[in-house]
N, C-alpha and C. Protein backbone atom coordinates (compact mmCIF):
# COMPACT_ATOMS: atom_id res chain seq x y z
N MET A 1 0.84 -1.18 0.00
CA MET A 1 0.00 0.00 0.00
C MET A 1 0.88 1.24 0.00
N ARG A 2 0.52 2.23 -0.79
CA ARG A 2 1.26 3.48 -0.85
C ARG A 2 0.55 4.51 0.05
N ILE A 3 1.29 5.01 1.04
CA ILE A 3 0.74 5.91 2.05
C ILE A 3 1.48 7.23 2.00
N LEU A 4 0.71 8.32 2.03
CA LEU A 4 1.27 9.67 2.08
C LEU A 4 1.02 10.25 3.46
N LEU A 5 2.09 10.69 4.14
CA LEU A 5 1.96 11.36 5.43
C LEU A 5 1.79 12.85 5.20
N ASP A 6 0.71 13.41 5.71
CA ASP A 6 0.44 14.83 5.60
C ASP A 6 1.53 15.63 6.33
N GLU A 7 1.60 16.91 6.02
CA GLU A 7 2.63 17.76 6.63
C GLU A 7 2.52 17.84 8.14
N CYS A 8 1.34 17.62 8.69
CA CYS A 8 1.13 17.71 10.13
C CYS A 8 1.55 16.45 10.87
N VAL A 9 1.95 15.43 10.14
CA VAL A 9 2.38 14.15 10.74
C VAL A 9 3.90 14.11 10.76
N PRO A 10 4.50 13.79 11.91
CA PRO A 10 5.97 13.74 11.97
C PRO A 10 6.56 12.73 10.99
N ARG A 11 7.57 13.13 10.30
CA ARG A 11 8.22 12.29 9.29
C ARG A 11 8.76 10.99 9.89
N ARG A 12 9.17 11.04 11.13
CA ARG A 12 9.73 9.83 11.78
C ARG A 12 8.70 8.72 11.94
N LEU A 13 7.42 9.03 11.80
CA LEU A 13 6.39 8.01 11.92
C LEU A 13 6.48 7.00 10.77
N LYS A 14 7.17 7.36 9.70
CA LYS A 14 7.36 6.44 8.57
C LYS A 14 7.89 5.08 9.02
N ARG A 15 8.74 5.09 10.02
CA ARG A 15 9.38 3.86 10.49
C ARG A 15 8.38 2.84 11.04
N ALA A 16 7.19 3.29 11.37
CA ALA A 16 6.20 2.42 12.01
C ALA A 16 5.33 1.67 11.00
N PHE A 17 5.64 1.79 9.69
CA PHE A 17 4.77 1.21 8.68
C PHE A 17 5.31 -0.04 8.00
N GLY A 18 6.48 -0.50 8.38
CA GLY A 18 7.01 -1.76 7.87
C GLY A 18 6.96 -1.92 6.37
N GLU A 19 6.12 -2.82 5.91
CA GLU A 19 6.09 -3.21 4.49
C GLU A 19 5.43 -2.20 3.57
N HIS A 20 4.78 -1.21 4.10
CA HIS A 20 4.10 -0.22 3.25
C HIS A 20 5.10 0.76 2.64
N ASP A 21 4.73 1.30 1.49
CA ASP A 21 5.53 2.31 0.79
C ASP A 21 5.05 3.67 1.28
N VAL A 22 5.82 4.31 2.15
CA VAL A 22 5.38 5.53 2.83
C VAL A 22 6.27 6.71 2.43
N TRP A 23 5.62 7.81 2.06
CA TRP A 23 6.30 9.05 1.69
C TRP A 23 5.66 10.20 2.45
N THR A 24 6.40 11.28 2.61
CA THR A 24 5.84 12.48 3.21
C THR A 24 5.51 13.48 2.11
N VAL A 25 4.63 14.41 2.43
CA VAL A 25 4.29 15.48 1.49
C VAL A 25 5.55 16.22 1.07
N SER A 26 6.42 16.47 2.02
CA SER A 26 7.67 17.18 1.74
C SER A 26 8.57 16.40 0.78
N GLU A 27 8.69 15.10 1.00
CA GLU A 27 9.52 14.27 0.12
C GLU A 27 9.00 14.27 -1.32
N MET A 28 7.72 14.41 -1.46
CA MET A 28 7.12 14.43 -2.80
C MET A 28 7.25 15.80 -3.47
N GLY A 29 7.74 16.80 -2.72
CA GLY A 29 7.87 18.14 -3.26
C GLY A 29 6.57 18.92 -3.24
N TRP A 30 5.63 18.49 -2.40
CA TRP A 30 4.31 19.11 -2.35
C TRP A 30 4.09 19.96 -1.10
N ALA A 31 5.15 20.26 -0.36
CA ALA A 31 5.01 21.07 0.85
C ALA A 31 4.33 22.40 0.51
N GLY A 32 3.40 22.80 1.34
CA GLY A 32 2.70 24.07 1.13
C GLY A 32 1.52 23.98 0.17
N THR A 33 1.30 22.83 -0.43
CA THR A 33 0.18 22.67 -1.36
C THR A 33 -1.13 22.68 -0.57
N LYS A 34 -2.09 23.45 -1.04
CA LYS A 34 -3.39 23.54 -0.38
C LYS A 34 -4.08 22.18 -0.39
N ASP A 35 -4.93 21.95 0.61
CA ASP A 35 -5.54 20.64 0.80
C ASP A 35 -6.26 20.09 -0.42
N GLY A 36 -7.07 20.89 -1.08
CA GLY A 36 -7.82 20.41 -2.24
C GLY A 36 -6.91 19.93 -3.35
N ALA A 37 -5.91 20.73 -3.67
CA ALA A 37 -4.94 20.35 -4.71
C ALA A 37 -4.13 19.14 -4.26
N LEU A 38 -3.77 19.09 -3.00
CA LEU A 38 -3.00 17.96 -2.48
C LEU A 38 -3.79 16.65 -2.62
N LEU A 39 -5.06 16.68 -2.30
CA LEU A 39 -5.89 15.48 -2.41
C LEU A 39 -5.97 14.99 -3.86
N ARG A 40 -6.12 15.92 -4.79
CA ARG A 40 -6.20 15.53 -6.21
C ARG A 40 -4.88 14.95 -6.71
N ILE A 41 -3.78 15.59 -6.35
CA ILE A 41 -2.46 15.10 -6.78
C ILE A 41 -2.14 13.75 -6.12
N ALA A 42 -2.39 13.67 -4.83
CA ALA A 42 -2.06 12.46 -4.07
C ALA A 42 -2.85 11.26 -4.57
N ALA A 43 -4.08 11.48 -4.99
CA ALA A 43 -4.93 10.37 -5.47
C ALA A 43 -4.33 9.67 -6.69
N ASP A 44 -3.50 10.37 -7.44
CA ASP A 44 -2.86 9.77 -8.61
C ASP A 44 -1.63 8.93 -8.26
N HIS A 45 -1.14 9.06 -7.01
CA HIS A 45 0.10 8.40 -6.64
C HIS A 45 0.01 7.51 -5.40
N PHE A 46 -1.04 7.71 -4.60
CA PHE A 46 -1.12 7.03 -3.31
C PHE A 46 -2.49 6.39 -3.10
N ASP A 47 -2.51 5.45 -2.17
CA ASP A 47 -3.76 4.78 -1.79
C ASP A 47 -4.42 5.48 -0.60
N VAL A 48 -3.58 6.00 0.32
CA VAL A 48 -4.09 6.57 1.57
C VAL A 48 -3.31 7.82 1.94
N LEU A 49 -4.04 8.83 2.43
CA LEU A 49 -3.42 10.00 3.06
C LEU A 49 -3.64 9.85 4.55
N LEU A 50 -2.56 9.91 5.33
CA LEU A 50 -2.64 9.84 6.78
C LEU A 50 -2.44 11.25 7.31
N THR A 51 -3.38 11.72 8.12
CA THR A 51 -3.34 13.09 8.60
C THR A 51 -3.81 13.19 10.04
N THR A 52 -3.43 14.26 10.72
CA THR A 52 -3.99 14.58 12.02
C THR A 52 -4.92 15.78 11.91
N ASP A 53 -5.13 16.27 10.69
CA ASP A 53 -5.99 17.42 10.43
C ASP A 53 -7.45 16.98 10.45
N ARG A 54 -8.10 17.16 11.58
CA ARG A 54 -9.49 16.74 11.74
C ARG A 54 -10.46 17.57 10.92
N ASN A 55 -10.05 18.76 10.52
CA ASN A 55 -10.94 19.64 9.76
C ASN A 55 -10.93 19.35 8.26
N LEU A 56 -9.97 18.61 7.80
CA LEU A 56 -9.84 18.33 6.37
C LEU A 56 -11.13 17.80 5.77
N ILE A 57 -11.77 16.87 6.45
CA ILE A 57 -12.96 16.25 5.88
C ILE A 57 -14.15 17.20 5.82
N PHE A 58 -14.12 18.27 6.61
CA PHE A 58 -15.20 19.25 6.60
C PHE A 58 -14.92 20.38 5.62
N GLN A 59 -13.66 20.60 5.30
CA GLN A 59 -13.27 21.72 4.45
C GLN A 59 -13.15 21.35 2.98
N GLN A 60 -13.18 20.06 2.67
CA GLN A 60 -13.00 19.61 1.29
C GLN A 60 -14.17 18.75 0.85
N ASN A 61 -14.47 18.81 -0.44
CA ASN A 61 -15.48 17.93 -1.02
C ASN A 61 -14.78 16.61 -1.36
N LEU A 62 -15.05 15.59 -0.59
CA LEU A 62 -14.35 14.33 -0.74
C LEU A 62 -15.11 13.32 -1.60
N THR A 63 -16.25 13.72 -2.14
CA THR A 63 -17.08 12.77 -2.89
C THR A 63 -16.41 12.28 -4.17
N THR A 64 -15.49 13.05 -4.72
CA THR A 64 -14.84 12.64 -5.97
C THR A 64 -13.39 12.20 -5.77
N VAL A 65 -12.92 12.20 -4.54
CA VAL A 65 -11.53 11.84 -4.25
C VAL A 65 -11.41 10.32 -4.16
N ARG A 66 -10.50 9.76 -4.96
CA ARG A 66 -10.29 8.31 -4.98
C ARG A 66 -9.27 7.86 -3.94
N LEU A 67 -8.92 8.71 -3.05
CA LEU A 67 -7.89 8.47 -2.05
C LEU A 67 -8.53 8.12 -0.72
N GLY A 68 -8.04 7.07 -0.07
CA GLY A 68 -8.49 6.80 1.29
C GLY A 68 -7.85 7.81 2.22
N ILE A 69 -8.60 8.25 3.22
CA ILE A 69 -8.08 9.23 4.18
C ILE A 69 -8.21 8.64 5.57
N LEU A 70 -7.10 8.60 6.27
CA LEU A 70 -7.06 8.08 7.63
C LEU A 70 -6.72 9.25 8.56
N VAL A 71 -7.67 9.60 9.41
CA VAL A 71 -7.52 10.74 10.31
C VAL A 71 -7.17 10.22 11.70
N LEU A 72 -6.03 10.66 12.21
CA LEU A 72 -5.60 10.27 13.54
C LEU A 72 -6.09 11.29 14.55
N HIS A 73 -6.72 10.81 15.60
CA HIS A 73 -7.20 11.67 16.70
C HIS A 73 -6.33 11.39 17.91
N ALA A 74 -5.50 12.34 18.27
CA ALA A 74 -4.59 12.18 19.40
C ALA A 74 -4.49 13.51 20.13
N SER A 75 -3.96 13.46 21.33
CA SER A 75 -3.83 14.67 22.13
C SER A 75 -2.78 15.63 21.57
N SER A 76 -1.88 15.11 20.74
CA SER A 76 -0.90 15.95 20.06
C SER A 76 -0.36 15.18 18.86
N ASN A 77 0.45 15.85 18.05
CA ASN A 77 1.07 15.13 16.93
C ASN A 77 2.51 14.74 17.26
N ASP A 78 2.82 14.66 18.54
CA ASP A 78 4.11 14.18 19.00
C ASP A 78 4.28 12.72 18.60
N ILE A 79 5.45 12.36 18.16
CA ILE A 79 5.72 11.01 17.65
C ILE A 79 5.39 9.94 18.69
N ALA A 80 5.71 10.18 19.95
CA ALA A 80 5.44 9.19 21.00
C ALA A 80 3.95 8.97 21.17
N VAL A 81 3.17 10.01 21.06
CA VAL A 81 1.71 9.89 21.17
C VAL A 81 1.15 9.16 19.97
N LEU A 82 1.58 9.52 18.78
CA LEU A 82 1.06 8.90 17.56
C LEU A 82 1.44 7.43 17.46
N GLN A 83 2.58 7.05 17.97
CA GLN A 83 2.99 5.65 17.92
C GLN A 83 2.03 4.76 18.72
N LEU A 84 1.38 5.33 19.71
CA LEU A 84 0.39 4.57 20.48
C LEU A 84 -0.82 4.19 19.62
N LEU A 85 -1.05 4.94 18.54
CA LEU A 85 -2.16 4.68 17.64
C LEU A 85 -1.83 3.63 16.57
N MET A 86 -0.58 3.28 16.42
CA MET A 86 -0.17 2.45 15.29
C MET A 86 -0.84 1.08 15.21
N PRO A 87 -1.10 0.38 16.29
CA PRO A 87 -1.83 -0.89 16.13
C PRO A 87 -3.20 -0.67 15.47
N ALA A 88 -3.91 0.37 15.89
CA ALA A 88 -5.21 0.67 15.28
C ALA A 88 -5.05 1.17 13.85
N VAL A 89 -3.98 1.89 13.56
CA VAL A 89 -3.71 2.37 12.20
C VAL A 89 -3.51 1.17 11.27
N HIS A 90 -2.69 0.22 11.69
CA HIS A 90 -2.44 -0.95 10.85
C HIS A 90 -3.72 -1.74 10.60
N GLN A 91 -4.55 -1.85 11.60
CA GLN A 91 -5.83 -2.54 11.43
C GLN A 91 -6.71 -1.79 10.45
N ALA A 92 -6.79 -0.47 10.57
CA ALA A 92 -7.60 0.34 9.66
C ALA A 92 -7.09 0.24 8.22
N LEU A 93 -5.78 0.23 8.04
CA LEU A 93 -5.21 0.15 6.70
C LEU A 93 -5.59 -1.15 6.00
N GLN A 94 -5.73 -2.22 6.74
CA GLN A 94 -6.11 -3.50 6.15
C GLN A 94 -7.51 -3.46 5.55
N GLN A 95 -8.33 -2.52 6.02
CA GLN A 95 -9.73 -2.45 5.60
C GLN A 95 -10.03 -1.23 4.72
N MET A 96 -9.04 -0.38 4.49
CA MET A 96 -9.26 0.87 3.74
C MET A 96 -9.64 0.59 2.29
N ARG A 97 -10.54 1.43 1.80
CA ARG A 97 -10.93 1.40 0.39
C ARG A 97 -10.75 2.79 -0.19
N ALA A 98 -10.58 2.85 -1.48
CA ALA A 98 -10.44 4.14 -2.17
C ALA A 98 -11.66 5.01 -1.88
N GLY A 99 -11.42 6.26 -1.56
CA GLY A 99 -12.50 7.21 -1.31
C GLY A 99 -13.10 7.15 0.09
N GLU A 100 -12.61 6.25 0.91
CA GLU A 100 -13.15 6.08 2.26
C GLU A 100 -12.39 6.96 3.25
N VAL A 101 -13.11 7.46 4.26
CA VAL A 101 -12.50 8.20 5.36
C VAL A 101 -12.68 7.36 6.62
N ARG A 102 -11.58 7.12 7.30
CA ARG A 102 -11.62 6.39 8.57
C ARG A 102 -10.94 7.25 9.64
N HIS A 103 -11.39 7.05 10.86
CA HIS A 103 -10.84 7.77 12.01
C HIS A 103 -10.24 6.77 12.98
N VAL A 104 -9.07 7.10 13.51
CA VAL A 104 -8.41 6.26 14.50
C VAL A 104 -8.27 7.09 15.77
N HIS A 105 -8.82 6.54 16.85
CA HIS A 105 -8.77 7.20 18.16
C HIS A 105 -7.99 6.34 19.12
N PHE A 106 -7.28 6.97 20.02
CA PHE A 106 -6.62 6.23 21.09
C PHE A 106 -7.53 6.32 22.31
N VAL A 107 -8.09 5.21 22.70
CA VAL A 107 -9.01 5.17 23.84
C VAL A 107 -8.26 5.55 25.10
N GLY A 108 -8.84 6.45 25.86
CA GLY A 108 -8.23 6.87 27.12
C GLY A 108 -7.47 8.17 27.01
N GLN A 109 -7.32 8.73 25.81
CA GLN A 109 -6.59 9.98 25.64
C GLN A 109 -7.51 11.19 25.69
N GLY A 110 -8.81 10.97 25.75
CA GLY A 110 -9.74 12.10 25.79
C GLY A 110 -9.80 12.85 24.48
N THR A 111 -9.57 12.15 23.36
CA THR A 111 -9.60 12.80 22.06
C THR A 111 -10.84 12.45 21.29
C-alpha cells in the first residue's frame, strides 16, 4: 500500500509502517500545497493520506476523491503519542478502500 503522510504528521512516523511504501508530502515536493490540490495530486500516486488534520474532511469535497483518508485523533502530533495509535492504524489500513475516510482514536486519551 502506498501511504502519504500529511505535513502535520511527523516524518519519523514512517518507520512504524514496515512493508508499506510511505512518503511524506515534503519528500514528494508538495510542501505548502493547499488541501484540495494535495488530495487531487495524491490520489494519482497514493492509496491513503494519513493526517492529524481533523478539519480536512469538513473543508474539502471528498465525494470525488479516490484516495483513502485516515484521520488520527490524538492529544498531540508528538511522535510518541502517535505511535500509540499504530496498532489501530495498521488494522484500519487492512480495511481501507479508495474514497473512504476512517478515524483512528486512542481510547483513554480524551480525544
